[in-house]
Amino acid sequence: MQRSLDNIGAILKAAGMSPADVVIVQVYLTDAAKFQQMNAVYRTILKIPGRPVSRLVGPGHVEITVTAKEVANGR
């Protein structure tokens, strides 16, 4: 989970953005029991509160989708 969120931070930085530019986050976990662990890491990087959703289908253990806003100064 930490690596996934670190990768998101790197992608945002490469785009000239930061976690403050994030407006939507969707997190899917294969094991709902891991939600509290994920949320503890998540809240250190993204300040938007997490909430549990349906389970993830497939071989992965976590899927995170992030949408960031584009601001008028060209970012």
N, C-alpha and C. Protein backbone atom coordinates (compact mmCIF):
# COMPACT_ATOMS: atom_id res chain seq x y z
N MET A 1 0.82 -1.18 0.00
CA MET A 1 0.00 0.00 0.00
C MET A 1 0.87 1.25 0.00
N GLN A 2 1.90 1.23 0.81
CA GLN A 2 2.81 2.39 0.86
C GLN A 2 3.41 2.64 -0.52
N ARG A 3 3.85 1.58 -1.19
CA ARG A 3 4.46 1.73 -2.50
C ARG A 3 3.46 2.31 -3.51
N SER A 4 2.22 1.84 -3.47
CA SER A 4 1.20 2.37 -4.38
C SER A 4 1.00 3.86 -4.16
N LEU A 5 0.92 4.26 -2.91
CA LEU A 5 0.71 5.68 -2.61
C LEU A 5 1.96 6.51 -2.92
N ASP A 6 3.14 5.93 -2.69
CA ASP A 6 4.37 6.63 -3.08
C ASP A 6 4.42 6.85 -4.59
N ASN A 7 3.99 5.83 -5.35
CA ASN A 7 3.95 5.95 -6.81
C ASN A 7 2.98 7.04 -7.25
N ILE A 8 1.85 7.13 -6.59
CA ILE A 8 0.89 8.19 -6.90
C ILE A 8 1.52 9.55 -6.65
N GLY A 9 2.23 9.69 -5.52
CA GLY A 9 2.92 10.95 -5.22
C GLY A 9 3.93 11.31 -6.29
N ALA A 10 4.68 10.31 -6.78
CA ALA A 10 5.67 10.56 -7.83
C ALA A 10 5.01 10.98 -9.14
N ILE A 11 3.89 10.37 -9.47
CA ILE A 11 3.16 10.73 -10.69
C ILE A 11 2.63 12.16 -10.58
N LEU A 12 2.07 12.49 -9.43
CA LEU A 12 1.58 13.86 -9.22
C LEU A 12 2.71 14.86 -9.35
N LYS A 13 3.86 14.56 -8.73
CA LYS A 13 5.01 15.46 -8.78
C LYS A 13 5.49 15.65 -10.22
N ALA A 14 5.55 14.56 -10.98
CA ALA A 14 5.99 14.64 -12.37
C ALA A 14 5.05 15.51 -13.21
N ALA A 15 3.80 15.57 -12.80
CA ALA A 15 2.81 16.39 -13.50
C ALA A 15 2.76 17.81 -12.96
N GLY A 16 3.66 18.14 -12.01
CA GLY A 16 3.67 19.47 -11.42
C GLY A 16 2.56 19.66 -10.41
N MET A 17 2.09 18.57 -9.83
CA MET A 17 1.00 18.62 -8.86
C MET A 17 1.46 18.04 -7.53
N SER A 18 0.58 18.11 -6.54
CA SER A 18 0.86 17.55 -5.23
C SER A 18 -0.41 16.88 -4.73
N PRO A 19 -0.35 16.18 -3.60
CA PRO A 19 -1.57 15.58 -3.05
C PRO A 19 -2.68 16.61 -2.79
N ALA A 20 -2.33 17.87 -2.62
CA ALA A 20 -3.34 18.92 -2.41
C ALA A 20 -4.22 19.11 -3.64
N ASP A 21 -3.75 18.67 -4.81
CA ASP A 21 -4.51 18.80 -6.05
C ASP A 21 -5.49 17.65 -6.27
N VAL A 22 -5.44 16.62 -5.44
CA VAL A 22 -6.30 15.46 -5.58
C VAL A 22 -7.72 15.80 -5.14
N VAL A 23 -8.69 15.44 -5.98
CA VAL A 23 -10.08 15.73 -5.64
C VAL A 23 -10.92 14.46 -5.45
N ILE A 24 -10.49 13.34 -6.04
CA ILE A 24 -11.21 12.08 -5.89
C ILE A 24 -10.19 10.95 -5.75
N VAL A 25 -10.46 10.04 -4.82
CA VAL A 25 -9.64 8.84 -4.66
C VAL A 25 -10.58 7.65 -4.51
N GLN A 26 -10.31 6.60 -5.26
CA GLN A 26 -11.06 5.36 -5.11
C GLN A 26 -10.06 4.27 -4.75
N VAL A 27 -10.30 3.58 -3.65
CA VAL A 27 -9.40 2.50 -3.21
C VAL A 27 -10.23 1.23 -3.13
N TYR A 28 -9.73 0.19 -3.78
CA TYR A 28 -10.37 -1.12 -3.75
C TYR A 28 -9.39 -2.11 -3.14
N LEU A 29 -9.86 -2.88 -2.17
CA LEU A 29 -9.02 -3.88 -1.49
C LEU A 29 -9.65 -5.26 -1.64
N THR A 30 -8.82 -6.29 -1.77
CA THR A 30 -9.34 -7.65 -1.81
C THR A 30 -9.70 -8.16 -0.41
N ASP A 31 -9.12 -7.54 0.61
CA ASP A 31 -9.35 -7.98 1.99
C ASP A 31 -9.79 -6.76 2.81
N ALA A 32 -11.08 -6.69 3.10
CA ALA A 32 -11.61 -5.55 3.84
C ALA A 32 -10.98 -5.41 5.22
N ALA A 33 -10.43 -6.50 5.76
CA ALA A 33 -9.78 -6.44 7.07
C ALA A 33 -8.51 -5.58 7.02
N LYS A 34 -7.99 -5.33 5.82
CA LYS A 34 -6.78 -4.51 5.67
C LYS A 34 -7.11 -3.01 5.52
N PHE A 35 -8.40 -2.67 5.59
CA PHE A 35 -8.79 -1.28 5.38
C PHE A 35 -8.13 -0.33 6.37
N GLN A 36 -8.13 -0.65 7.65
CA GLN A 36 -7.55 0.25 8.65
C GLN A 36 -6.06 0.45 8.41
N GLN A 37 -5.35 -0.62 8.03
CA GLN A 37 -3.93 -0.52 7.72
C GLN A 37 -3.73 0.39 6.51
N MET A 38 -4.51 0.19 5.46
CA MET A 38 -4.42 1.03 4.26
C MET A 38 -4.73 2.48 4.60
N ASN A 39 -5.78 2.69 5.37
CA ASN A 39 -6.21 4.05 5.69
C ASN A 39 -5.17 4.81 6.50
N ALA A 40 -4.43 4.11 7.36
CA ALA A 40 -3.38 4.76 8.15
C ALA A 40 -2.28 5.30 7.24
N VAL A 41 -1.89 4.54 6.23
CA VAL A 41 -0.88 4.98 5.28
C VAL A 41 -1.45 6.07 4.39
N TYR A 42 -2.65 5.84 3.90
CA TYR A 42 -3.35 6.77 3.01
C TYR A 42 -3.44 8.18 3.60
N ARG A 43 -3.80 8.26 4.87
CA ARG A 43 -3.99 9.57 5.52
C ARG A 43 -2.68 10.33 5.73
N THR A 44 -1.53 9.66 5.64
CA THR A 44 -0.26 10.38 5.75
C THR A 44 0.07 11.11 4.46
N ILE A 45 -0.52 10.67 3.36
CA ILE A 45 -0.22 11.25 2.05
C ILE A 45 -1.38 12.08 1.52
N LEU A 46 -2.57 11.52 1.56
CA LEU A 46 -3.76 12.20 1.05
C LEU A 46 -4.65 12.58 2.22
N LYS A 47 -5.08 13.79 2.25
CA LYS A 47 -5.84 14.28 3.40
C LYS A 47 -7.35 14.08 3.24
N ILE A 48 -7.76 13.52 2.11
CA ILE A 48 -9.18 13.23 1.89
C ILE A 48 -9.51 11.97 2.68
N PRO A 49 -10.58 11.95 3.48
CA PRO A 49 -10.88 10.76 4.28
C PRO A 49 -11.19 9.54 3.39
N GLY A 50 -10.67 8.38 3.78
CA GLY A 50 -10.97 7.15 3.07
C GLY A 50 -12.23 6.52 3.63
N ARG A 51 -12.85 5.67 2.82
CA ARG A 51 -14.02 4.93 3.30
C ARG A 51 -14.06 3.59 2.59
N PRO A 52 -14.57 2.56 3.25
CA PRO A 52 -14.59 1.23 2.65
C PRO A 52 -15.54 1.17 1.46
N VAL A 53 -15.18 0.37 0.46
CA VAL A 53 -16.03 0.13 -0.71
C VAL A 53 -16.07 -1.36 -0.98
N SER A 54 -16.71 -1.74 -2.06
CA SER A 54 -16.81 -3.15 -2.43
C SER A 54 -15.44 -3.77 -2.66
N ARG A 55 -15.39 -5.06 -2.59
CA ARG A 55 -14.10 -5.75 -2.77
C ARG A 55 -13.63 -5.71 -4.21
N LEU A 56 -12.35 -5.87 -4.40
CA LEU A 56 -11.71 -5.89 -5.70
C LEU A 56 -11.77 -7.29 -6.28
N VAL A 57 -12.11 -7.40 -7.54
CA VAL A 57 -12.14 -8.69 -8.21
C VAL A 57 -10.86 -8.83 -9.03
N GLY A 58 -10.19 -9.95 -8.94
CA GLY A 58 -8.98 -10.18 -9.71
C GLY A 58 -7.82 -10.54 -8.81
N PRO A 59 -6.63 -10.69 -9.42
CA PRO A 59 -5.48 -11.17 -8.66
C PRO A 59 -4.79 -10.12 -7.79
N GLY A 60 -5.04 -8.85 -8.00
CA GLY A 60 -4.39 -7.81 -7.22
C GLY A 60 -4.94 -7.73 -5.81
N HIS A 61 -4.21 -7.04 -4.94
CA HIS A 61 -4.66 -6.86 -3.56
C HIS A 61 -5.14 -5.45 -3.27
N VAL A 62 -4.70 -4.51 -4.09
CA VAL A 62 -5.13 -3.12 -3.91
C VAL A 62 -5.17 -2.45 -5.29
N GLU A 63 -6.17 -1.62 -5.49
CA GLU A 63 -6.25 -0.80 -6.69
C GLU A 63 -6.61 0.61 -6.22
N ILE A 64 -5.86 1.60 -6.67
CA ILE A 64 -6.11 2.98 -6.27
C ILE A 64 -6.23 3.83 -7.52
N THR A 65 -7.32 4.55 -7.65
CA THR A 65 -7.53 5.47 -8.75
C THR A 65 -7.59 6.87 -8.17
N VAL A 66 -6.79 7.79 -8.73
CA VAL A 66 -6.72 9.16 -8.24
C VAL A 66 -7.07 10.12 -9.36
N THR A 67 -7.91 11.10 -9.06
CA THR A 67 -8.21 12.18 -10.00
C THR A 67 -7.74 13.47 -9.36
N ALA A 68 -6.92 14.23 -10.09
CA ALA A 68 -6.41 15.51 -9.59
C ALA A 68 -6.96 16.62 -10.46
N LYS A 69 -7.08 17.80 -9.88
CA LYS A 69 -7.64 18.93 -10.62
C LYS A 69 -6.54 19.68 -11.35
N GLU A 70 -6.91 20.25 -12.46
CA GLU A 70 -5.99 21.13 -13.19
C GLU A 70 -6.35 22.55 -12.80
N VAL A 71 -5.35 23.35 -12.47
CA VAL A 71 -5.63 24.71 -12.03
C VAL A 71 -5.25 25.70 -13.13
N ALA A 72 -5.72 26.91 -13.01
CA ALA A 72 -5.58 27.93 -14.05
C ALA A 72 -4.14 28.33 -14.33
N ASN A 73 -3.19 28.11 -13.43
CA ASN A 73 -1.82 28.56 -13.66
C ASN A 73 -1.03 27.63 -14.56
N GLY A 74 -1.71 26.73 -15.27
CA GLY A 74 -1.05 25.91 -16.26
C GLY A 74 -0.63 24.53 -15.80
N ARG A 75 -0.90 24.18 -14.55
CA ARG A 75 -0.54 22.83 -14.09
C ARG A 75 -1.59 21.86 -14.55
